[in-house]
C-alpha atoms as a PDB file:
ATOM      1  CA  MET A   1     -51.706 -49.483   5.785  1.00  0.00           C
ATOM      2  CA  ARG A   2     -47.992 -48.925   6.353  1.00  0.00           C
ATOM      3  CA  GLU A   3     -48.682 -46.826   9.460  1.00  0.00           C
ATOM      4  CA  LEU A   4     -50.866 -49.582  10.892  1.00  0.00           C
ATOM      5  CA  ARG A   5     -48.147 -52.168  10.275  1.00  0.00           C
ATOM      6  CA  ASN A   6     -45.561 -49.922  11.942  1.00  0.00           C
ATOM      7  CA  LEU A   7     -47.883 -49.363  14.901  1.00  0.00           C
ATOM      8  CA  LEU A   8     -48.362 -53.103  15.320  1.00  0.00           C
ATOM      9  CA  GLU A   9     -44.638 -53.795  15.059  1.00  0.00           C
ATOM     10  CA  ARG A  10     -43.923 -51.223  17.787  1.00  0.00           C
ATOM     11  CA  THR A  11     -46.587 -52.637  20.072  1.00  0.00           C
ATOM     12  CA  VAL A  12     -45.275 -56.177  19.598  1.00  0.00           C
ATOM     13  CA  LEU A  13     -41.925 -54.990  20.903  1.00  0.00           C
ATOM     14  CA  LEU A  14     -43.622 -53.725  24.051  1.00  0.00           C
ATOM     15  CA  ALA A  15     -45.799 -56.782  24.646  1.00  0.00           C
ATOM     16  CA  ASP A  16     -44.471 -59.181  27.253  1.00  0.00           C
ATOM     17  CA  GLY A  17     -46.324 -62.223  25.941  1.00  0.00           C
ATOM     18  CA  PRO A  18     -48.031 -63.544  22.815  1.00  0.00           C
ATOM     19  CA  GLU A  19     -50.955 -61.101  23.040  1.00  0.00           C
ATOM     20  CA  ILE A  20     -51.171 -57.360  22.473  1.00  0.00           C
ATOM     21  CA  GLY A  21     -53.393 -55.550  24.976  1.00  0.00           C
ATOM     22  CA  PRO A  22     -54.654 -51.979  25.266  1.00  0.00           C
ATOM     23  CA  GLU A  23     -51.796 -51.162  27.632  1.00  0.00           C
ATOM     24  CA  HIS A  24     -49.330 -51.909  24.831  1.00  0.00           C
ATOM     25  CA  LEU A  25     -51.128 -49.586  22.423  1.00  0.00           C
ATOM     26  CA  ALA A  26     -51.140 -46.715  24.915  1.00  0.00           C
ATOM     27  CA  CYS A  27     -47.618 -45.703  23.930  1.00  0.00           C
ATOM     28  CA  CYS A  28     -48.720 -44.969  20.400  1.00  0.00           C
ATOM     29  CA  ALA A  29     -52.353 -43.919  20.894  1.00  0.00           C
ATOM     30  CA  GLU A  30     -51.361 -40.364  21.742  1.00  0.00           C
ATOM     31  CA  GLY A  31     -48.585 -40.590  19.172  1.00  0.00           C
ATOM     32  CA  ALA A  32     -47.335 -37.935  16.877  1.00  0.00           C
ATOM     33  CA  ALA A  33     -49.156 -36.546  13.914  1.00  0.00           C
ATOM     34  CA  PRO A  34     -48.634 -38.506  10.697  1.00  0.00           C
ATOM     35  CA  GLY A  35     -45.180 -37.947   9.311  1.00  0.00           C
ATOM     36  CA  GLU A  36     -43.790 -36.497  12.528  1.00  0.00           C
ATOM     37  CA  GLY A  37     -41.741 -39.613  13.282  1.00  0.00           C
ATOM     38  CA  THR A  38     -41.992 -39.474  17.072  1.00  0.00           C
ATOM     39  CA  VAL A  39     -42.378 -42.751  18.942  1.00  0.00           C
ATOM     40  CA  ARG A  40     -43.269 -43.023  22.622  1.00  0.00           C
ATOM     41  CA  PHE A  41     -42.540 -46.122  24.634  1.00  0.00           C
ATOM     42  CA  ALA A  42     -43.876 -47.202  27.999  1.00  0.00           C
ATOM     43  CA  GLY A  43     -42.562 -49.590  30.597  1.00  0.00           C
ATOM     44  CA  PRO A  44     -39.062 -50.388  31.710  1.00  0.00           C
ATOM     45  CA  VAL A  45     -36.105 -50.253  29.381  1.00  0.00           C
ATOM     46  CA  ARG A  46     -35.267 -53.718  28.135  1.00  0.00           C
ATOM     47  CA  PRO A  47     -31.989 -54.901  26.623  1.00  0.00           C
ATOM     48  CA  LEU A  48     -32.001 -54.458  22.853  1.00  0.00           C
ATOM     49  CA  GLU A  49     -31.039 -58.089  22.250  1.00  0.00           C
ATOM     50  CA  GLU A  50     -34.061 -59.235  24.271  1.00  0.00           C
ATOM     51  CA  VAL A  51     -36.388 -56.956  22.306  1.00  0.00           C
ATOM     52  CA  GLU A  52     -34.873 -58.073  19.014  1.00  0.00           C
ATOM     53  CA  ARG A  53     -35.253 -61.772  19.880  1.00  0.00           C
ATOM     54  CA  ALA A  54     -38.894 -61.217  20.873  1.00  0.00           C
ATOM     55  CA  TYR A  55     -39.556 -59.413  17.593  1.00  0.00           C
ATOM     56  CA  LEU A  56     -37.839 -62.104  15.540  1.00  0.00           C
ATOM     57  CA  ARG A  57     -39.826 -64.860  17.299  1.00  0.00           C
ATOM     58  CA  TRP A  58     -43.004 -62.936  16.556  1.00  0.00           C
ATOM     59  CA  ALA A  59     -41.998 -62.418  12.921  1.00  0.00           C
ATOM     60  CA  ALA A  60     -41.221 -66.133  12.561  1.00  0.00           C
ATOM     61  CA  ALA A  61     -44.621 -67.022  14.030  1.00  0.00           C
ATOM     62  CA  VAL A  62     -46.662 -64.766  11.754  1.00  0.00           C
ATOM     63  CA  HIS A  63     -44.611 -65.038   8.557  1.00  0.00           C
ATOM     64  CA  ARG A  64     -46.196 -67.140   5.851  1.00  0.00           C
ATOM     65  CA  GLY A  65     -43.209 -68.840   4.315  1.00  0.00           C
ATOM     66  CA  ASP A  66     -39.901 -70.466   5.049  1.00  0.00           C
ATOM     67  CA  ARG A  67     -36.967 -69.004   6.967  1.00  0.00           C
ATOM     68  CA  ARG A  68     -35.221 -67.965   3.780  1.00  0.00           C
ATOM     69  CA  SER A  69     -38.124 -65.730   2.749  1.00  0.00           C
ATOM     70  CA  LEU A  70     -38.441 -64.426   6.328  1.00  0.00           C
ATOM     71  CA  ALA A  71     -34.762 -63.498   6.365  1.00  0.00           C
ATOM     72  CA  ARG A  72     -35.163 -61.760   3.024  1.00  0.00           C
ATOM     73  CA  ALA A  73     -38.227 -59.836   4.309  1.00  0.00           C
ATOM     74  CA  LEU A  74     -36.228 -58.727   7.369  1.00  0.00           C
ATOM     75  CA  GLY A  75     -33.203 -57.715   5.321  1.00  0.00           C
ATOM     76  CA  LEU A  76     -30.988 -60.368   6.927  1.00  0.00           C
ATOM     77  CA  SER A  77     -29.084 -63.354   5.681  1.00  0.00           C
ATOM     78  CA  GLU A  78     -30.603 -66.705   6.569  1.00  0.00           C
ATOM     79  CA  ARG A  79     -27.567 -67.501   8.700  1.00  0.00           C
ATOM     80  CA  THR A  80     -27.834 -64.212  10.630  1.00  0.00           C
ATOM     81  CA  LEU A  81     -31.538 -64.816  11.265  1.00  0.00           C
ATOM     82  CA  TYR A  82     -30.784 -68.296  12.595  1.00  0.00           C
ATOM     83  CA  ARG A  83     -28.065 -66.977  14.931  1.00  0.00           C
ATOM     84  CA  ARG A  84     -30.237 -64.160  16.249  1.00  0.00           C
ATOM     85  CA  LEU A  85     -33.174 -66.484  16.889  1.00  0.00           C
ATOM     86  CA  ARG A  86     -30.862 -68.774  18.881  1.00  0.00           C
ATOM     87  CA  GLY A  87     -29.606 -65.868  20.971  1.00  0.00           C
ATOM     88  CA  ARG A  88     -26.271 -65.468  19.158  1.00  0.00           C
END
């Protein structure tokens, strides 16, 4: 289950919009054997802040709870989460 969650989190970072398509899963479909720890990415390199904001917006959309519990799940303070969602 953890591997599936990690796979989905990686593909969300690669998705350009609100949907994950087969082209986003291609980077991980040929992936490493379990436990190898190798991740392959496709597409152009994007600024880390842009990728982080996209991930945080996704996490906020799918999280069942308030921002405080989301921040706790992400290992951030509520204030840091708020700042990062706003774009710093």
